[in-house]
N, C-alpha and C. Protein backbone atom coordinates (compact mmCIF):
# COMPACT_ATOMS: atom_id res chain seq x y z
N UNK A 1 19.58 -19.59 -1.74
CA UNK A 1 20.19 -18.04 -1.68
C UNK A 1 20.52 -17.60 -3.02
N UNK A 2 20.30 -16.38 -3.41
CA UNK A 2 20.44 -15.97 -4.41
C UNK A 2 21.65 -14.75 -4.61
N UNK A 3 22.60 -14.39 -5.49
CA UNK A 3 23.30 -13.21 -5.64
C UNK A 3 22.73 -12.09 -6.29
N UNK A 4 22.98 -11.01 -6.09
CA UNK A 4 22.70 -10.05 -6.65
C UNK A 4 22.23 -10.31 -8.23
N UNK A 5 23.19 -10.70 -9.04
CA UNK A 5 22.95 -10.89 -10.16
C UNK A 5 21.87 -11.95 -10.54
N UNK A 6 21.69 -12.95 -9.89
CA UNK A 6 20.80 -13.83 -9.94
C UNK A 6 19.47 -12.59 -9.33
N UNK A 7 19.22 -12.22 -8.39
CA UNK A 7 18.14 -11.73 -7.91
C UNK A 7 17.54 -10.88 -9.32
N UNK A 8 18.25 -10.04 -9.67
CA UNK A 8 18.00 -9.05 -10.77
C UNK A 8 17.82 -9.44 -11.77
N UNK A 9 18.08 -10.69 -12.23
CA UNK A 9 17.41 -11.58 -13.55
C UNK A 9 15.86 -12.19 -13.22
N UNK A 10 16.02 -12.10 -12.09
CA UNK A 10 14.31 -12.97 -11.53
C UNK A 10 13.23 -11.73 -11.29
N UNK A 11 13.92 -10.52 -11.01
CA UNK A 11 13.05 -9.37 -10.67
C UNK A 11 12.87 -8.59 -11.99
N UNK A 12 13.74 -8.89 -13.01
CA UNK A 12 13.92 -8.26 -14.31
C UNK A 12 14.22 -6.75 -13.90
N UNK A 13 15.60 -6.58 -13.41
CA UNK A 13 16.07 -5.30 -12.92
C UNK A 13 17.99 -5.68 -13.14
N UNK A 14 18.34 -4.50 -13.02
CA UNK A 14 19.84 -4.99 -13.34
C UNK A 14 20.48 -4.79 -11.82
N UNK A 15 21.76 -5.70 -11.45
CA UNK A 15 22.22 -5.63 -10.34
C UNK A 15 22.60 -4.39 -10.07
N UNK A 16 22.73 -3.34 -10.47
CA UNK A 16 23.06 -1.81 -10.53
C UNK A 16 21.99 -1.48 -9.70
N UNK A 17 20.84 -1.81 -9.79
CA UNK A 17 19.83 -1.41 -9.27
C UNK A 17 19.65 -1.74 -8.12
N UNK A 18 19.65 -3.18 -7.88
CA UNK A 18 19.46 -3.96 -6.46
C UNK A 18 20.76 -3.05 -5.45
N UNK A 19 22.11 -2.89 -6.27
CA UNK A 19 22.72 -2.44 -5.18
C UNK A 19 22.37 -1.06 -4.90
N UNK A 20 21.71 -0.13 -5.59
CA UNK A 20 21.40 1.34 -5.52
C UNK A 20 20.16 1.12 -4.31
N UNK A 21 19.44 0.12 -4.73
CA UNK A 21 18.03 -0.10 -3.45
C UNK A 21 18.77 -0.26 -2.33
N UNK A 22 19.79 -1.19 -2.17
CA UNK A 22 20.57 -1.45 -0.88
C UNK A 22 21.16 -0.21 -0.31
N UNK A 23 21.98 0.36 -1.11
CA UNK A 23 22.77 1.67 -0.09
C UNK A 23 21.56 2.94 0.18
N UNK A 24 20.33 2.53 -0.66
CA UNK A 24 19.26 3.93 -0.55
C UNK A 24 18.73 3.45 0.87
N UNK A 25 18.89 2.08 1.67
CA UNK A 25 18.12 1.61 2.48
C UNK A 25 16.94 0.83 2.52
N UNK A 26 16.70 0.32 1.26
CA UNK A 26 15.42 -0.19 1.04
C UNK A 26 15.53 -1.73 1.05
N UNK A 27 16.88 -2.14 1.32
CA UNK A 27 17.04 -3.53 1.65
C UNK A 27 17.61 -4.21 2.84
N UNK A 28 16.72 -3.65 4.13
CA UNK A 28 17.63 -3.65 5.04
C UNK A 28 17.30 -5.43 5.45
N UNK A 29 16.30 -6.16 4.94
CA UNK A 29 16.52 -7.33 5.33
C UNK A 29 17.49 -8.09 4.52
N UNK A 30 17.95 -7.79 3.69
CA UNK A 30 18.96 -8.93 2.63
C UNK A 30 19.88 -8.88 3.45
N UNK A 31 20.48 -10.28 3.68
CA UNK A 31 21.63 -11.15 4.32
C UNK A 31 22.82 -10.64 3.67
N UNK A 32 23.97 -10.69 4.04
CA UNK A 32 25.35 -10.77 3.32
C UNK A 32 26.18 -11.70 3.90
N UNK A 33 26.95 -12.32 3.06
CA UNK A 33 27.67 -13.43 3.29
C UNK A 33 29.13 -12.97 4.28
N UNK A 34 30.04 -13.77 4.82
CA UNK A 34 30.96 -13.04 5.50
C UNK A 34 31.95 -12.15 4.74
N UNK A 35 31.78 -12.32 3.47
CA UNK A 35 32.84 -11.52 2.53
C UNK A 35 31.97 -10.15 2.01
N UNK A 36 30.87 -10.24 2.59
CA UNK A 36 30.30 -8.89 2.55
C UNK A 36 29.29 -8.70 1.13
N UNK A 37 28.95 -10.07 0.53
CA UNK A 37 28.05 -10.06 -0.50
C UNK A 37 26.64 -10.47 -0.16
N UNK A 38 25.78 -9.60 -0.95
CA UNK A 38 24.55 -9.96 -0.78
C UNK A 38 24.02 -10.96 -1.29
N UNK A 39 23.21 -11.50 -0.14
CA UNK A 39 22.80 -12.89 -0.56
C UNK A 39 20.92 -12.73 -0.46
N UNK A 40 20.21 -13.01 -1.52
CA UNK A 40 18.76 -13.14 -1.57
C UNK A 40 17.98 -14.29 -1.11
N UNK A 41 17.17 -14.17 -0.35
CA UNK A 41 16.15 -15.45 -0.19
C UNK A 41 15.04 -15.40 -0.57
N UNK A 42 14.46 -16.64 -0.93
CA UNK A 42 12.99 -16.36 -1.67
C UNK A 42 11.75 -15.48 -1.32
N UNK A 43 11.93 -15.10 0.15
CA UNK A 43 11.28 -14.61 0.87
C UNK A 43 11.59 -12.68 0.39
N UNK A 44 12.71 -12.72 0.24
CA UNK A 44 12.91 -11.51 -0.28
C UNK A 44 12.19 -10.41 -1.65
N UNK A 45 11.95 -11.78 -2.20
CA UNK A 45 11.60 -11.15 -3.61
C UNK A 45 10.25 -10.88 -3.67
N UNK A 46 9.34 -10.87 -2.73
CA UNK A 46 8.14 -10.12 -2.53
C UNK A 46 8.61 -8.63 -2.15
N UNK A 47 9.66 -8.50 -1.28
CA UNK A 47 9.95 -7.05 -1.08
C UNK A 47 10.60 -6.43 -2.31
N UNK A 48 11.24 -6.93 -3.19
CA UNK A 48 11.97 -6.46 -4.47
C UNK A 48 10.65 -6.29 -5.54
N UNK A 49 9.78 -6.72 -5.49
CA UNK A 49 8.40 -6.67 -6.62
C UNK A 49 7.62 -5.66 -6.05
N UNK A 50 7.66 -5.52 -4.51
CA UNK A 50 6.79 -4.40 -4.07
C UNK A 50 7.59 -3.21 -4.43
N UNK A 51 8.85 -3.03 -4.12
CA UNK A 51 9.65 -1.81 -4.17
C UNK A 51 9.69 -1.50 -5.74
N UNK A 52 9.78 -2.03 -6.58
CA UNK A 52 9.55 -2.01 -8.16
C UNK A 52 8.49 -1.71 -8.42
N UNK A 53 7.50 -1.78 -7.99
CA UNK A 53 5.59 -1.59 -8.34
C UNK A 53 5.88 -0.09 -7.63
N UNK A 54 5.98 -0.02 -6.32
CA UNK A 54 5.98 1.53 -5.68
C UNK A 54 6.77 2.43 -6.89
N UNK A 55 8.22 1.84 -7.04
CA UNK A 55 9.00 2.92 -8.04
C UNK A 55 8.30 2.98 -9.16
N UNK A 56 7.56 2.24 -9.91
CA UNK A 56 6.96 2.43 -11.15
C UNK A 56 5.70 2.94 -11.19
N UNK A 57 5.37 3.28 -9.85
CA UNK A 57 4.06 4.28 -9.52
C UNK A 57 4.42 5.54 -9.34
N UNK A 58 5.57 5.96 -9.30
CA UNK A 58 6.17 7.26 -9.40
C UNK A 58 6.59 7.60 -8.08
N UNK A 59 6.40 6.79 -7.15
CA UNK A 59 7.04 6.83 -5.55
C UNK A 59 8.23 7.27 -5.68
N UNK A 60 8.67 8.16 -4.83
CA UNK A 60 10.15 8.39 -4.62
C UNK A 60 10.99 7.42 -3.95
N UNK A 61 12.11 7.44 -3.96
CA UNK A 61 13.01 6.33 -3.11
C UNK A 61 12.86 6.95 -1.63
N UNK A 62 12.88 7.97 -1.61
CA UNK A 62 12.89 8.73 0.08
C UNK A 62 11.63 7.96 0.67
N UNK A 63 10.32 8.12 -0.11
CA UNK A 63 8.92 7.47 0.33
C UNK A 63 8.94 5.93 0.39
N UNK A 64 9.87 5.11 -0.43
CA UNK A 64 9.51 3.93 -0.36
C UNK A 64 10.45 3.36 1.11
N UNK A 65 11.75 4.45 1.05
CA UNK A 65 12.69 4.01 2.14
C UNK A 65 11.88 3.96 3.46
N UNK A 66 10.82 5.21 3.52
CA UNK A 66 9.62 5.43 4.65
C UNK A 66 8.79 4.26 4.78
N UNK A 67 8.54 3.84 4.10
CA UNK A 67 7.57 2.39 3.99
C UNK A 67 8.27 1.33 4.48
N UNK A 68 9.55 1.11 4.22
CA UNK A 68 10.40 -0.16 4.33
C UNK A 68 10.64 0.25 6.03
N UNK A 69 10.95 1.47 6.32
CA UNK A 69 11.33 1.70 7.66
C UNK A 69 9.98 1.24 8.44
N UNK A 70 8.75 1.53 8.44
CA UNK A 70 7.88 1.76 8.86
C UNK A 70 7.51 0.01 9.11
N UNK A 71 7.57 -0.93 7.85
CA UNK A 71 7.42 -2.33 7.79
C UNK A 71 8.39 -3.05 8.92
N UNK A 72 9.79 -2.66 9.13
CA UNK A 72 10.82 -2.87 9.63
C UNK A 72 10.48 -2.79 11.54
N UNK A 73 9.68 -1.52 11.53
CA UNK A 73 9.02 -0.94 12.77
C UNK A 73 8.22 -2.35 13.33
N UNK A 74 7.14 -2.75 12.76
CA UNK A 74 6.22 -3.51 12.85
C UNK A 74 5.06 -2.93 13.07
N UNK A 75 4.21 -3.55 13.52
CA UNK A 75 2.58 -3.37 13.97
C UNK A 75 2.43 -2.01 14.43
N UNK A 76 3.13 -1.04 15.34
CA UNK A 76 2.59 0.26 15.40
C UNK A 76 2.77 0.93 14.26
N UNK A 77 3.12 0.70 13.02
CA UNK A 77 3.03 1.58 11.91
C UNK A 77 2.11 1.34 10.84
N UNK A 78 1.36 0.04 11.01
CA UNK A 78 0.24 0.10 10.13
C UNK A 78 -0.82 1.09 9.77
N UNK A 79 -1.17 1.68 10.53
CA UNK A 79 -1.81 3.00 9.99
C UNK A 79 -1.31 4.00 9.20
N UNK A 80 0.40 4.06 9.04
CA UNK A 80 0.95 4.92 8.45
C UNK A 80 1.13 3.94 7.17
N UNK A 81 1.33 2.77 7.06
CA UNK A 81 1.47 2.03 5.56
C UNK A 81 0.31 2.14 4.73
N UNK A 82 -1.00 1.96 5.74
CA UNK A 82 -2.22 1.93 5.19
C UNK A 82 -2.64 3.14 4.29
N UNK A 83 -2.33 4.24 5.14
CA UNK A 83 -2.46 5.64 4.57
C UNK A 83 -1.47 5.87 3.12
N UNK A 84 -0.25 5.19 3.47
CA UNK A 84 0.33 5.56 2.13
C UNK A 84 -0.03 4.87 1.02
N UNK A 85 -0.53 3.52 1.49
CA UNK A 85 -1.25 2.78 0.10
C UNK A 85 -2.45 3.45 -0.26
N UNK A 86 -3.14 3.84 0.60
CA UNK A 86 -4.20 4.55 -0.08
C UNK A 86 -4.03 5.98 -0.72
N UNK A 87 -2.96 6.63 -0.59
CA UNK A 87 -2.60 8.01 -1.17
C UNK A 87 -2.00 7.25 -2.62
N UNK A 88 -1.07 6.21 -2.33
CA UNK A 88 -0.67 5.77 -3.94
C UNK A 88 -2.03 5.04 -4.62
N UNK A 89 -2.92 4.62 -4.13
CA UNK A 89 -3.86 4.37 -4.92
C UNK A 89 -4.56 5.40 -5.92
N UNK A 90 -4.52 6.44 -5.10
CA UNK A 90 -5.54 7.69 -5.54
C UNK A 90 -4.25 7.92 -6.84
N UNK A 91 -3.08 8.15 -6.61
CA UNK A 91 -2.03 8.70 -7.23
C UNK A 91 -2.34 7.86 -8.52
N UNK A 92 -2.12 6.80 -8.70
CA UNK A 92 -2.19 5.95 -9.76
C UNK A 92 -3.54 5.92 -10.49
N UNK A 93 -4.56 6.00 -9.90
CA UNK A 93 -5.90 6.25 -10.51
C UNK A 93 -5.64 7.61 -11.26
N UNK A 94 -5.13 8.66 -10.86
CA UNK A 94 -4.91 9.85 -11.50
C UNK A 94 -4.23 9.68 -12.69
N UNK A 95 -2.92 8.51 -12.78
CA UNK A 95 -1.94 8.30 -13.43
C UNK A 95 -2.68 7.57 -15.00
N UNK A 96 -3.64 6.70 -14.36
CA UNK A 96 -4.36 5.79 -15.35
C UNK A 96 -5.35 6.77 -15.94
N UNK A 97 -6.07 7.89 -15.67
CA UNK A 97 -6.78 8.89 -16.02
C UNK A 97 -6.06 9.51 -17.09
N UNK A 98 -4.70 9.96 -16.80
CA UNK A 98 -4.18 10.78 -17.50
C UNK A 98 -3.58 9.93 -18.43
N UNK A 99 -3.35 8.87 -18.31
CA UNK A 99 -2.67 7.99 -19.42
C UNK A 99 -3.90 7.81 -20.60
N UNK A 100 -5.02 7.64 -19.97
CA UNK A 100 -6.12 7.39 -21.16
C UNK A 100 -6.44 8.62 -21.82
N UNK A 101 -6.11 9.51 -21.31
CA UNK A 101 -6.31 10.77 -22.13
C UNK A 101 -5.27 11.04 -23.26
N UNK A 102 -4.04 10.62 -22.72
CA UNK A 102 -2.94 10.69 -23.66
C UNK A 102 -3.15 9.72 -24.81
N UNK A 103 -3.97 8.36 -24.42
CA UNK A 103 -4.26 7.37 -25.49
C UNK A 103 -5.21 7.89 -26.51
N UNK A 104 -5.98 8.66 -25.99
CA UNK A 104 -7.44 9.17 -26.90
C UNK A 104 -6.47 9.87 -28.06
N UNK A 105 -5.76 10.73 -27.34
CA UNK A 105 -5.14 11.89 -28.51
C UNK A 105 -4.39 11.08 -29.17
N UNK A 106 -3.45 9.84 -29.10
CA UNK A 106 -2.76 9.22 -30.01
C UNK A 106 -3.79 8.49 -30.93
N UNK A 107 -4.88 8.10 -30.40
CA UNK A 107 -5.74 7.58 -31.46
C UNK A 107 -6.34 8.25 -32.44
N UNK A 108 -6.54 9.35 -31.85
CA UNK A 108 -7.20 10.73 -32.91
C UNK A 108 -5.83 10.98 -33.48
N UNK A 109 -4.65 11.05 -33.60
CA UNK A 109 -3.69 11.39 -34.42
C UNK A 109 -3.42 10.30 -35.57
N UNK A 110 -3.48 9.04 -34.66
CA UNK A 110 -3.45 8.00 -35.71
C UNK A 110 -4.45 8.04 -36.84
N UNK A 111 -5.15 8.16 -36.19
CA UNK A 111 -6.30 8.08 -37.34
C UNK A 111 -6.18 9.22 -38.66
N UNK A 112 -6.12 10.43 -37.99
CA UNK A 112 -5.57 11.52 -38.90
C UNK A 112 -4.52 11.18 -40.03
N UNK A 113 -3.30 10.61 -39.50
CA UNK A 113 -2.55 10.04 -40.43
C UNK A 113 -2.68 8.93 -41.04
N UNK A 114 -3.59 8.06 -40.76
CA UNK A 114 -4.21 7.02 -41.66
C UNK A 114 -4.56 7.43 -42.73
N UNK A 115 -5.64 8.47 -42.34
CA UNK A 115 -6.52 8.78 -43.38
C UNK A 115 -5.36 9.90 -44.48
N UNK A 116 -4.66 10.79 -43.91
CA UNK A 116 -3.74 11.63 -44.73
C UNK A 116 -2.87 10.53 -45.27
N UNK A 117 -2.50 9.34 -45.29
CA UNK A 117 -1.50 8.04 -45.93
C UNK A 117 -2.42 8.17 -47.23
N UNK A 118 -3.85 7.69 -46.76
CA UNK A 118 -4.74 6.99 -47.95
C UNK A 118 -4.92 8.27 -48.83
N UNK A 119 -5.18 9.56 -48.61
CA UNK A 119 -5.06 10.70 -49.67
C UNK A 119 -3.66 11.24 -49.92
N UNK A 120 -2.69 10.79 -49.56
CA UNK A 120 -1.48 11.21 -49.68
C UNK A 120 -1.25 12.91 -49.34
N UNK A 121 -1.95 13.24 -48.43
CA UNK A 121 -2.01 14.56 -47.95
C UNK A 121 -2.40 14.78 -47.10
N UNK A 122 -1.95 15.49 -46.09
CA UNK A 122 -2.53 15.96 -44.36
C UNK A 122 -3.46 17.17 -44.67
N UNK A 123 -4.00 17.85 -45.85
CA UNK A 123 -4.68 18.86 -46.18
C UNK A 123 -6.10 18.01 -46.47
N UNK A 124 -6.18 16.90 -46.55
CA UNK A 124 -7.36 16.17 -46.71
C UNK A 124 -8.39 16.41 -45.48
N UNK A 125 -7.89 16.57 -44.28
CA UNK A 125 -8.78 16.84 -43.55
C UNK A 125 -9.60 18.52 -43.56
N UNK A 126 -9.10 18.77 -44.08
CA UNK A 126 -9.42 20.41 -44.49
C UNK A 126 -10.75 20.41 -45.05
N UNK A 127 -11.08 19.28 -46.14
CA UNK A 127 -12.36 19.42 -47.03
C UNK A 127 -13.35 18.22 -46.58
N UNK A 128 -12.94 17.71 -45.26
CA UNK A 128 -13.66 16.20 -45.24
C UNK A 128 -15.07 16.76 -44.54
N UNK A 129 -15.98 16.04 -44.82
CA UNK A 129 -17.49 16.31 -44.20
C UNK A 129 -17.38 15.62 -42.87
N UNK A 130 -18.10 16.04 -41.91
CA UNK A 130 -18.05 15.32 -40.64
C UNK A 130 -18.64 14.05 -40.69
N UNK A 131 -19.51 13.83 -41.55
CA UNK A 131 -20.19 12.34 -41.69
C UNK A 131 -19.00 11.49 -41.98
N UNK A 132 -17.85 11.69 -42.69
CA UNK A 132 -16.84 10.62 -42.82
C UNK A 132 -16.08 10.65 -41.77
N UNK A 133 -16.14 11.23 -40.74
CA UNK A 133 -15.37 10.85 -39.39
C UNK A 133 -15.98 10.04 -38.54
N UNK A 134 -15.45 8.81 -38.11
CA UNK A 134 -16.03 8.22 -37.25
C UNK A 134 -16.47 8.98 -35.84
N UNK A 135 -17.47 8.35 -34.98
CA UNK A 135 -18.14 9.14 -33.90
C UNK A 135 -16.85 9.19 -33.11
N UNK A 136 -16.20 8.09 -32.74
CA UNK A 136 -15.35 8.29 -31.46
C UNK A 136 -14.40 9.15 -31.93
N UNK A 137 -13.68 9.20 -33.26
CA UNK A 137 -12.94 10.23 -33.21
C UNK A 137 -13.60 11.86 -33.36
N UNK A 138 -14.77 11.94 -33.41
CA UNK A 138 -15.24 13.34 -33.42
C UNK A 138 -15.57 13.62 -31.87
N UNK A 139 -15.92 12.74 -31.08
CA UNK A 139 -15.64 13.09 -29.35
C UNK A 139 -14.11 13.18 -28.89
N UNK A 140 -13.35 12.79 -29.69
CA UNK A 140 -11.89 12.78 -29.21
C UNK A 140 -11.46 14.11 -29.63
N UNK A 141 -12.01 14.49 -30.88
CA UNK A 141 -11.44 15.75 -31.55
C UNK A 141 -12.22 16.92 -30.66
N UNK A 142 -13.38 16.69 -30.18
CA UNK A 142 -14.22 17.61 -29.39
C UNK A 142 -13.67 17.95 -28.01
N UNK A 143 -12.95 16.89 -27.48
CA UNK A 143 -12.07 16.97 -26.19
C UNK A 143 -10.67 17.64 -26.62
N UNK A 144 -10.14 17.54 -27.55
CA UNK A 144 -8.99 18.52 -28.13
C UNK A 144 -9.14 19.55 -28.56
N UNK A 145 -10.35 19.98 -29.24
CA UNK A 145 -10.49 21.50 -29.36
C UNK A 145 -10.92 21.86 -28.09
N UNK A 146 -11.62 21.63 -27.23
CA UNK A 146 -11.79 22.02 -25.96
C UNK A 146 -10.56 22.52 -25.03
N UNK A 147 -9.76 21.61 -25.24
CA UNK A 147 -8.57 22.12 -24.67
C UNK A 147 -7.83 23.20 -25.30
N UNK A 148 -7.69 23.04 -26.77
CA UNK A 148 -6.91 24.32 -27.12
C UNK A 148 -7.59 25.95 -26.93
N UNK A 149 -8.99 25.37 -26.65
CA UNK A 149 -9.66 26.76 -26.51
C UNK A 149 -9.82 26.97 -25.26
N UNK A 150 -9.03 26.75 -24.40
CA UNK A 150 -9.26 26.93 -22.90
C UNK A 150 -9.28 28.50 -22.39
N UNK A 151 -8.84 29.14 -23.22
CA UNK A 151 -8.82 30.50 -23.02
C UNK A 151 -10.16 31.08 -23.18
N UNK A 152 -10.65 30.51 -24.12
CA UNK A 152 -12.15 31.51 -24.41
C UNK A 152 -13.12 31.60 -23.54
């Protein structure tokens, strides 16, 4: 058995977070000692990792609680849980696509500042020939320009 502090360390979170999860109804499976101290079993850690995973993908505490409630109800809620994971998969794929767009924009800006640093000025881009720009940067710049001209 593990205390809240020990469990928090194992799952790389704070004891406060685990107590919050407990108060929010996300940890109905966690036992308590005679004095009311939460005691975690090894089997509880897969739940803690799952809760952390769902939270880190943007799922609300309310929706995570709904999932935990369904799981506690048993096999009658398999369809609901499957649907929840199908929806979460779509949401995470959308998040990944958005992050990839952000990463490209950051790479573009990084390249601009690397060139600016070498030239000692940010105006260097005003006189650059397109042949001096890497193809990947041109592609990203075209996407960025298209976003800025969305009203045209």
